[in-house]
């Protein structure tokens, strides 16, 4: 992906720049370019050329650690979309990448003092999951029209069980909006409560002059590392389940 981006970026350089020998360094493109008549032409970020120049700004042929990390995250999310959705999953890769990165940053930011990101509030996570399920439902109806009803009746089930299975499948489908958000918010809230209890207990022991006051502080270090891992894992689980629900809507499973 990044190789194609670099190739497209090089093609954006006008022949006039090549003749003048003023080609910018690798992956460094200005906001304006020289035209054939040697006049500056402004490139808007709203155009494909401008968006591409901004996207590849600062990138190098030999990647830095930060660039390598970004590429690993992108490859990880791309593989996730392909495994859960299939070849059509590449269409939803930008959305999945934005969802995973946003949730990951917010979840880790919640561990900072005096920071309360939206993912720590169960109401916000439920609202987000409800919006996602609503969007998936609209997409499914738009694609399959009346065949959308097949989602609420398992394939191969006896028709006589329809009065029992259809209500169960309907409740199961729309309960995803609640379970997806509550799972994220509840896991983060539980971890933060444990950290708060340990920190408060340690502060009280230090104020009382107890010799074992350092013991709760020592426990707080691995708990914090565990919470960082949980924050990233919860972002992964949320994104993974979202892509799985997309596949169910696309293939009517």
C-alpha atoms as a PDB file:
ATOM      1  CA  UNK A   1       0.000   0.000   0.000  1.00  0.00           C
ATOM      2  CA  UNK A   2       2.677   2.471   0.961  1.00  0.00           C
ATOM      3  CA  UNK A   3       4.753   1.489  -2.086  1.00  0.00           C
ATOM      4  CA  UNK A   4       1.826   2.385  -4.339  1.00  0.00           C
ATOM      5  CA  UNK A   5       1.409   5.644  -2.451  1.00  0.00           C
ATOM      6  CA  UNK A   6       5.046   6.524  -3.018  1.00  0.00           C
ATOM      7  CA  UNK A   7       4.758   5.720  -6.730  1.00  0.00           C
ATOM      8  CA  UNK A   8       1.696   7.917  -7.088  1.00  0.00           C
ATOM      9  CA  UNK A   9       3.448  10.651  -5.168  1.00  0.00           C
ATOM     10  CA  UNK A  10       6.405  10.604  -7.515  1.00  0.00           C
ATOM     11  CA  UNK A  11       4.062  10.872 -10.496  1.00  0.00           C
ATOM     12  CA  UNK A  12       2.681  14.100  -9.042  1.00  0.00           C
ATOM     13  CA  UNK A  13       6.027  15.852  -9.637  1.00  0.00           C
ATOM     14  CA  UNK A  14       5.814  17.832 -12.850  1.00  0.00           C
ATOM     15  CA  UNK A  15       8.373  17.311 -15.624  1.00  0.00           C
ATOM     16  CA  UNK A  16       9.480  20.916 -15.143  1.00  0.00           C
ATOM     17  CA  UNK A  17      10.746  20.071 -11.656  1.00  0.00           C
ATOM     18  CA  UNK A  18      12.620  17.084 -12.982  1.00  0.00           C
ATOM     19  CA  UNK A  19      14.356  19.194 -15.660  1.00  0.00           C
ATOM     20  CA  UNK A  20      15.265  21.850 -13.085  1.00  0.00           C
ATOM     21  CA  UNK A  21      16.706  19.248 -10.729  1.00  0.00           C
ATOM     22  CA  UNK A  22      14.638  20.620  -7.857  1.00  0.00           C
ATOM     23  CA  UNK A  23      12.855  17.420  -6.939  1.00  0.00           C
ATOM     24  CA  UNK A  24      11.974  17.414  -3.231  1.00  0.00           C
ATOM     25  CA  UNK A  25      13.400  14.766  -0.957  1.00  0.00           C
ATOM     26  CA  UNK A  26      11.655  11.421  -0.564  1.00  0.00           C
ATOM     27  CA  UNK A  27       8.064  11.693   0.569  1.00  0.00           C
ATOM     28  CA  UNK A  28       8.360  15.473   1.114  1.00  0.00           C
ATOM     29  CA  UNK A  29       5.943  17.330  -1.149  1.00  0.00           C
ATOM     30  CA  UNK A  30       5.096  21.019  -0.958  1.00  0.00           C
ATOM     31  CA  UNK A  31       1.596  22.443  -0.937  1.00  0.00           C
ATOM     32  CA  UNK A  32       2.233  24.078  -4.349  1.00  0.00           C
ATOM     33  CA  UNK A  33       3.904  22.828  -7.505  1.00  0.00           C
ATOM     34  CA  UNK A  34       5.637  24.375 -10.498  1.00  0.00           C
ATOM     35  CA  UNK A  35       3.706  24.186 -13.752  1.00  0.00           C
ATOM     36  CA  UNK A  36       5.223  23.959 -17.221  1.00  0.00           C
ATOM     37  CA  UNK A  37       5.342  27.756 -17.492  1.00  0.00           C
ATOM     38  CA  UNK A  38       7.327  27.929 -14.252  1.00  0.00           C
ATOM     39  CA  UNK A  39       4.430  29.426 -12.241  1.00  0.00           C
ATOM     40  CA  UNK A  40       3.332  28.216  -8.842  1.00  0.00           C
ATOM     41  CA  UNK A  41       0.058  26.354  -8.834  1.00  0.00           C
ATOM     42  CA  UNK A  42      -1.671  25.886  -5.497  1.00  0.00           C
ATOM     43  CA  UNK A  43      -2.849  22.353  -4.672  1.00  0.00           C
ATOM     44  CA  UNK A  44      -5.928  22.154  -2.506  1.00  0.00           C
ATOM     45  CA  UNK A  45      -6.180  19.432   0.110  1.00  0.00           C
ATOM     46  CA  UNK A  46      -9.679  18.718  -1.211  1.00  0.00           C
ATOM     47  CA  UNK A  47      -8.308  17.422  -4.509  1.00  0.00           C
ATOM     48  CA  UNK A  48      -6.861  13.925  -4.931  1.00  0.00           C
ATOM     49  CA  UNK A  49      -3.366  15.341  -5.511  1.00  0.00           C
ATOM     50  CA  UNK A  50      -3.550  17.564  -2.451  1.00  0.00           C
ATOM     51  CA  UNK A  51      -4.906  14.819  -0.205  1.00  0.00           C
ATOM     52  CA  UNK A  52      -2.187  12.466  -1.388  1.00  0.00           C
ATOM     53  CA  UNK A  53       0.552  15.035  -0.766  1.00  0.00           C
ATOM     54  CA  UNK A  54      -0.686  15.571   2.800  1.00  0.00           C
ATOM     55  CA  UNK A  55      -1.040  11.808   3.416  1.00  0.00           C
ATOM     56  CA  UNK A  56       2.528  11.007   2.390  1.00  0.00           C
ATOM     57  CA  UNK A  57       4.089  14.058   4.008  1.00  0.00           C
ATOM     58  CA  UNK A  58       6.931  13.010   6.278  1.00  0.00           C
ATOM     59  CA  UNK A  59       7.030   9.410   5.035  1.00  0.00           C
ATOM     60  CA  UNK A  60      10.363   7.853   4.131  1.00  0.00           C
ATOM     61  CA  UNK A  61      11.485   5.027   1.900  1.00  0.00           C
ATOM     62  CA  UNK A  62      13.397   3.646   4.891  1.00  0.00           C
ATOM     63  CA  UNK A  63      10.667   3.916   7.543  1.00  0.00           C
ATOM     64  CA  UNK A  64      11.209   5.239  11.023  1.00  0.00           C
ATOM     65  CA  UNK A  65       9.968   3.368  14.068  1.00  0.00           C
ATOM     66  CA  UNK A  66       6.808   5.466  14.156  1.00  0.00           C
ATOM     67  CA  UNK A  67       6.124   4.863  10.474  1.00  0.00           C
ATOM     68  CA  UNK A  68       6.791   1.132  10.872  1.00  0.00           C
ATOM     69  CA  UNK A  69       4.372   1.001  13.805  1.00  0.00           C
ATOM     70  CA  UNK A  70       1.709   2.787  11.758  1.00  0.00           C
ATOM     71  CA  UNK A  71       2.183   0.387   8.870  1.00  0.00           C
ATOM     72  CA  UNK A  72       1.909  -2.619  11.221  1.00  0.00           C
ATOM     73  CA  UNK A  73      -1.367  -1.292  12.644  1.00  0.00           C
ATOM     74  CA  UNK A  74      -2.733  -0.721   9.143  1.00  0.00           C
ATOM     75  CA  UNK A  75      -1.748  -4.208   8.009  1.00  0.00           C
ATOM     76  CA  UNK A  76      -3.279  -5.677  11.177  1.00  0.00           C
ATOM     77  CA  UNK A  77      -6.635  -3.953  10.604  1.00  0.00           C
ATOM     78  CA  UNK A  78      -6.572  -4.783   6.881  1.00  0.00           C
ATOM     79  CA  UNK A  79      -6.089  -8.487   7.664  1.00  0.00           C
ATOM     80  CA  UNK A  80      -8.886  -8.261  10.225  1.00  0.00           C
ATOM     81  CA  UNK A  81     -11.279  -6.895   7.586  1.00  0.00           C
ATOM     82  CA  UNK A  82     -10.278  -9.561   5.080  1.00  0.00           C
ATOM     83  CA  UNK A  83     -10.682 -12.432   7.555  1.00  0.00           C
ATOM     84  CA  UNK A  84     -14.069 -11.320   8.902  1.00  0.00           C
ATOM     85  CA  UNK A  85     -15.692  -9.825   5.804  1.00  0.00           C
ATOM     86  CA  UNK A  86     -13.782 -11.292   2.880  1.00  0.00           C
ATOM     87  CA  UNK A  87     -12.476  -9.569  -0.225  1.00  0.00           C
ATOM     88  CA  UNK A  88     -15.246  -6.990   0.062  1.00  0.00           C
ATOM     89  CA  UNK A  89     -13.834  -6.041   3.450  1.00  0.00           C
ATOM     90  CA  UNK A  90     -11.234  -3.804   1.832  1.00  0.00           C
ATOM     91  CA  UNK A  91     -14.033  -1.324   1.151  1.00  0.00           C
ATOM     92  CA  UNK A  92     -14.556  -0.952   4.888  1.00  0.00           C
ATOM     93  CA  UNK A  93     -10.876  -0.833   5.812  1.00  0.00           C
ATOM     94  CA  UNK A  94     -10.708   2.986   6.318  1.00  0.00           C
ATOM     95  CA  UNK A  95     -13.717   2.843   8.632  1.00  0.00           C
ATOM     96  CA  UNK A  96     -12.313  -0.084  10.621  1.00  0.00           C
ATOM     97  CA  UNK A  97      -8.913   1.595  10.900  1.00  0.00           C
ATOM     98  CA  UNK A  98     -10.482   4.833  12.156  1.00  0.00           C
ATOM     99  CA  UNK A  99     -12.640   2.926  14.630  1.00  0.00           C
ATOM    100  CA  UNK A 100      -9.736   0.881  16.014  1.00  0.00           C
ATOM    101  CA  UNK A 101      -7.333   3.821  16.300  1.00  0.00           C
ATOM    102  CA  UNK A 102      -9.936   6.127  17.876  1.00  0.00           C
ATOM    103  CA  UNK A 103     -11.014   3.559  20.453  1.00  0.00           C
ATOM    104  CA  UNK A 104      -7.414   2.617  21.230  1.00  0.00           C
ATOM    105  CA  UNK A 105      -6.342   6.210  21.814  1.00  0.00           C
ATOM    106  CA  UNK A 106      -9.421   6.992  23.925  1.00  0.00           C
ATOM    107  CA  UNK A 107      -9.077   3.826  26.001  1.00  0.00           C
ATOM    108  CA  UNK A 108      -5.415   4.479  26.800  1.00  0.00           C
ATOM    109  CA  UNK A 109      -6.100   8.178  27.447  1.00  0.00           C
ATOM    110  CA  UNK A 110      -8.601   7.155  30.113  1.00  0.00           C
ATOM    111  CA  UNK A 111      -5.691   5.901  32.213  1.00  0.00           C
ATOM    112  CA  UNK A 112      -4.190   9.385  32.457  1.00  0.00           C
ATOM    113  CA  UNK A 113      -4.996  11.482  35.547  1.00  0.00           C
ATOM    114  CA  UNK A 114      -7.913  13.913  35.198  1.00  0.00           C
ATOM    115  CA  UNK A 115      -8.771  12.543  31.734  1.00  0.00           C
ATOM    116  CA  UNK A 116     -12.209  11.145  30.974  1.00  0.00           C
ATOM    117  CA  UNK A 117     -12.486  10.084  27.336  1.00  0.00           C
ATOM    118  CA  UNK A 118     -15.888   9.151  25.855  1.00  0.00           C
ATOM    119  CA  UNK A 119     -15.178   5.411  25.951  1.00  0.00           C
ATOM    120  CA  UNK A 120     -15.191   5.480  29.760  1.00  0.00           C
ATOM    121  CA  UNK A 121     -18.827   6.633  29.765  1.00  0.00           C
ATOM    122  CA  UNK A 122     -21.153   3.696  29.135  1.00  0.00           C
ATOM    123  CA  UNK A 123     -23.798   6.019  27.716  1.00  0.00           C
ATOM    124  CA  UNK A 124     -21.377   7.185  25.016  1.00  0.00           C
ATOM    125  CA  UNK A 125     -20.254   3.655  24.126  1.00  0.00           C
ATOM    126  CA  UNK A 126     -23.856   2.438  23.895  1.00  0.00           C
ATOM    127  CA  UNK A 127     -24.758   5.416  21.709  1.00  0.00           C
ATOM    128  CA  UNK A 128     -21.809   4.614  19.436  1.00  0.00           C
ATOM    129  CA  UNK A 129     -22.666   0.911  19.197  1.00  0.00           C
ATOM    130  CA  UNK A 130     -26.333   1.722  18.555  1.00  0.00           C
ATOM    131  CA  UNK A 131     -25.333   4.017  15.698  1.00  0.00           C
ATOM    132  CA  UNK A 132     -23.098   1.300  14.235  1.00  0.00           C
ATOM    133  CA  UNK A 133     -25.814  -1.377  14.354  1.00  0.00           C
ATOM    134  CA  UNK A 134     -28.329   1.079  12.892  1.00  0.00           C
ATOM    135  CA  UNK A 135     -25.945   1.874  10.039  1.00  0.00           C
ATOM    136  CA  UNK A 136     -25.314  -1.833   9.380  1.00  0.00           C
ATOM    137  CA  UNK A 137     -29.076  -2.483   9.354  1.00  0.00           C
ATOM    138  CA  UNK A 138     -29.701   0.333   6.865  1.00  0.00           C
ATOM    139  CA  UNK A 139     -26.878  -0.948   4.664  1.00  0.00           C
ATOM    140  CA  UNK A 140     -28.316  -4.468   4.778  1.00  0.00           C
ATOM    141  CA  UNK A 141     -31.825  -3.272   3.848  1.00  0.00           C
ATOM    142  CA  UNK A 142     -30.401  -1.132   1.058  1.00  0.00           C
ATOM    143  CA  UNK A 143     -28.500  -4.086  -0.412  1.00  0.00           C
ATOM    144  CA  UNK A 144     -30.952  -6.977   0.075  1.00  0.00           C
ATOM    145  CA  UNK A 145     -34.317  -5.182   0.119  1.00  0.00           C
ATOM    146  CA  UNK A 146     -37.043  -7.612   1.283  1.00  0.00           C
ATOM    147  CA  UNK A 147     -34.538 -10.447   1.670  1.00  0.00           C
ATOM    148  CA  UNK A 148     -33.380  -8.652   4.820  1.00  0.00           C
ATOM    149  CA  UNK A 149     -35.943 -10.711   6.743  1.00  0.00           C
ATOM    150  CA  UNK A 150     -33.835 -13.824   6.155  1.00  0.00           C
ATOM    151  CA  UNK A 151     -31.500 -12.629   8.927  1.00  0.00           C
ATOM    152  CA  UNK A 152     -34.172 -13.465  11.486  1.00  0.00           C
ATOM    153  CA  UNK A 153     -34.717 -17.050  10.364  1.00  0.00           C
ATOM    154  CA  UNK A 154     -31.729 -19.445  10.403  1.00  0.00           C
ATOM    155  CA  UNK A 155     -31.014 -21.206   7.131  1.00  0.00           C
ATOM    156  CA  UNK A 156     -32.211 -24.811   7.101  1.00  0.00           C
ATOM    157  CA  UNK A 157     -34.444 -24.475  10.171  1.00  0.00           C
ATOM    158  CA  UNK A 158     -37.914 -26.069   9.986  1.00  0.00           C
ATOM    159  CA  UNK A 159     -40.615 -23.620   8.952  1.00  0.00           C
ATOM    160  CA  UNK A 160     -42.788 -24.762  11.871  1.00  0.00           C
ATOM    161  CA  UNK A 161     -40.279 -23.184  14.279  1.00  0.00           C
ATOM    162  CA  UNK A 162     -40.576 -19.745  12.674  1.00  0.00           C
ATOM    163  CA  UNK A 163     -42.939 -18.320  15.367  1.00  0.00           C
ATOM    164  CA  UNK A 164     -40.320 -19.220  17.982  1.00  0.00           C
ATOM    165  CA  UNK A 165     -37.084 -18.508  16.127  1.00  0.00           C
ATOM    166  CA  UNK A 166     -37.986 -15.178  14.501  1.00  0.00           C
ATOM    167  CA  UNK A 167     -38.607 -13.301  17.799  1.00  0.00           C
ATOM    168  CA  UNK A 168     -35.462 -14.815  19.334  1.00  0.00           C
ATOM    169  CA  UNK A 169     -33.291 -13.887  16.337  1.00  0.00           C
ATOM    170  CA  UNK A 170     -34.812 -10.397  16.216  1.00  0.00           C
ATOM    171  CA  UNK A 171     -34.034  -9.753  19.872  1.00  0.00           C
ATOM    172  CA  UNK A 172     -30.552 -11.242  19.426  1.00  0.00           C
ATOM    173  CA  UNK A 173     -29.832  -8.999  16.431  1.00  0.00           C
ATOM    174  CA  UNK A 174     -30.901  -5.712  17.979  1.00  0.00           C
ATOM    175  CA  UNK A 175     -29.405  -6.561  21.398  1.00  0.00           C
ATOM    176  CA  UNK A 176     -25.995  -6.235  19.722  1.00  0.00           C
ATOM    177  CA  UNK A 177     -26.397  -2.473  19.975  1.00  0.00           C
ATOM    178  CA  UNK A 178     -26.521  -2.760  23.767  1.00  0.00           C
ATOM    179  CA  UNK A 179     -24.019  -5.575  24.323  1.00  0.00           C
ATOM    180  CA  UNK A 180     -21.348  -4.077  22.056  1.00  0.00           C
ATOM    181  CA  UNK A 181     -21.281  -0.768  23.924  1.00  0.00           C
ATOM    182  CA  UNK A 182     -21.776  -2.135  27.436  1.00  0.00           C
ATOM    183  CA  UNK A 183     -18.928  -4.622  26.992  1.00  0.00           C
ATOM    184  CA  UNK A 184     -16.506  -1.828  26.134  1.00  0.00           C
ATOM    185  CA  UNK A 185     -17.603   0.605  28.835  1.00  0.00           C
ATOM    186  CA  UNK A 186     -17.963  -1.991  31.599  1.00  0.00           C
ATOM    187  CA  UNK A 187     -14.508  -3.513  31.075  1.00  0.00           C
ATOM    188  CA  UNK A 188     -12.812  -0.132  31.196  1.00  0.00           C
ATOM    189  CA  UNK A 189     -14.836   1.040  34.203  1.00  0.00           C
ATOM    190  CA  UNK A 190     -14.041  -2.140  36.164  1.00  0.00           C
ATOM    191  CA  UNK A 191     -10.307  -1.748  35.582  1.00  0.00           C
ATOM    192  CA  UNK A 192     -10.358   1.902  36.580  1.00  0.00           C
ATOM    193  CA  UNK A 193     -12.227   1.088  39.778  1.00  0.00           C
ATOM    194  CA  UNK A 194      -9.530  -1.431  40.748  1.00  0.00           C
ATOM    195  CA  UNK A 195      -6.811   1.139  40.096  1.00  0.00           C
ATOM    196  CA  UNK A 196      -8.720   3.761  42.096  1.00  0.00           C
ATOM    197  CA  UNK A 197      -9.176   1.398  45.070  1.00  0.00           C
ATOM    198  CA  UNK A 198      -5.482   0.459  45.122  1.00  0.00           C
ATOM    199  CA  UNK A 199      -4.350   4.080  44.821  1.00  0.00           C
ATOM    200  CA  UNK A 200      -6.742   5.265  47.542  1.00  0.00           C
ATOM    201  CA  UNK A 201      -5.747   2.417  49.843  1.00  0.00           C
ATOM    202  CA  UNK A 202      -2.073   3.184  49.304  1.00  0.00           C
ATOM    203  CA  UNK A 203      -2.615   6.902  50.013  1.00  0.00           C
ATOM    204  CA  UNK A 204      -4.402   6.094  53.269  1.00  0.00           C
ATOM    205  CA  UNK A 205      -1.585   3.747  54.360  1.00  0.00           C
ATOM    206  CA  UNK A 206       1.038   6.405  53.582  1.00  0.00           C
ATOM    207  CA  UNK A 207      -0.943   9.011  55.546  1.00  0.00           C
ATOM    208  CA  UNK A 208      -1.162   6.613  58.492  1.00  0.00           C
ATOM    209  CA  UNK A 209       2.598   5.937  58.341  1.00  0.00           C
ATOM    210  CA  UNK A 210       2.187   2.195  57.838  1.00  0.00           C
ATOM    211  CA  UNK A 211       5.485   0.469  56.918  1.00  0.00           C
ATOM    212  CA  UNK A 212       3.735  -1.644  54.257  1.00  0.00           C
ATOM    213  CA  UNK A 213       2.434   1.381  52.361  1.00  0.00           C
ATOM    214  CA  UNK A 214       4.716   0.617  49.398  1.00  0.00           C
ATOM    215  CA  UNK A 215       3.060  -2.760  48.863  1.00  0.00           C
ATOM    216  CA  UNK A 216      -0.156  -1.416  47.243  1.00  0.00           C
ATOM    217  CA  UNK A 217       1.950   0.936  45.116  1.00  0.00           C
ATOM    218  CA  UNK A 218       4.006  -1.995  43.889  1.00  0.00           C
ATOM    219  CA  UNK A 219       0.823  -3.851  42.941  1.00  0.00           C
ATOM    220  CA  UNK A 220      -0.464  -0.768  41.120  1.00  0.00           C
ATOM    221  CA  UNK A 221       2.372  -0.929  38.555  1.00  0.00           C
ATOM    222  CA  UNK A 222       1.472  -4.325  37.003  1.00  0.00           C
ATOM    223  CA  UNK A 223      -2.220  -3.456  37.264  1.00  0.00           C
ATOM    224  CA  UNK A 224      -1.590  -0.312  35.212  1.00  0.00           C
ATOM    225  CA  UNK A 225       0.296  -2.296  32.567  1.00  0.00           C
ATOM    226  CA  UNK A 226      -2.563  -4.796  32.503  1.00  0.00           C
ATOM    227  CA  UNK A 227      -5.069  -1.983  32.017  1.00  0.00           C
ATOM    228  CA  UNK A 228      -3.079  -0.645  29.054  1.00  0.00           C
ATOM    229  CA  UNK A 229      -3.258  -4.104  27.478  1.00  0.00           C
ATOM    230  CA  UNK A 230      -6.979  -4.329  28.228  1.00  0.00           C
ATOM    231  CA  UNK A 231      -7.546  -0.909  26.633  1.00  0.00           C
ATOM    232  CA  UNK A 232      -5.949  -2.041  23.374  1.00  0.00           C
ATOM    233  CA  UNK A 233      -7.651  -5.452  23.472  1.00  0.00           C
ATOM    234  CA  UNK A 234     -11.071  -3.875  23.977  1.00  0.00           C
ATOM    235  CA  UNK A 235     -10.499  -1.655  20.951  1.00  0.00           C
ATOM    236  CA  UNK A 236      -9.605  -4.779  18.977  1.00  0.00           C
ATOM    237  CA  UNK A 237     -12.648  -6.716  20.236  1.00  0.00           C
ATOM    238  CA  UNK A 238     -15.008  -3.839  19.404  1.00  0.00           C
ATOM    239  CA  UNK A 239     -13.578  -3.522  15.876  1.00  0.00           C
ATOM    240  CA  UNK A 240     -13.578  -7.288  15.338  1.00  0.00           C
ATOM    241  CA  UNK A 241     -17.221  -7.663  16.380  1.00  0.00           C
ATOM    242  CA  UNK A 242     -18.196  -4.710  14.189  1.00  0.00           C
ATOM    243  CA  UNK A 243     -16.609  -6.332  11.132  1.00  0.00           C
ATOM    244  CA  UNK A 244     -18.283  -9.657  11.979  1.00  0.00           C
ATOM    245  CA  UNK A 245     -21.666  -7.935  12.182  1.00  0.00           C
ATOM    246  CA  UNK A 246     -20.920  -6.333   8.811  1.00  0.00           C
ATOM    247  CA  UNK A 247     -20.309  -9.766   7.305  1.00  0.00           C
ATOM    248  CA  UNK A 248     -23.599 -11.052   8.732  1.00  0.00           C
ATOM    249  CA  UNK A 249     -25.415  -8.114   7.137  1.00  0.00           C
ATOM    250  CA  UNK A 250     -23.638  -8.502   3.787  1.00  0.00           C
ATOM    251  CA  UNK A 251     -24.152 -12.270   3.495  1.00  0.00           C
ATOM    252  CA  UNK A 252     -27.436 -12.465   5.464  1.00  0.00           C
ATOM    253  CA  UNK A 253     -26.146 -15.006   8.002  1.00  0.00           C
END
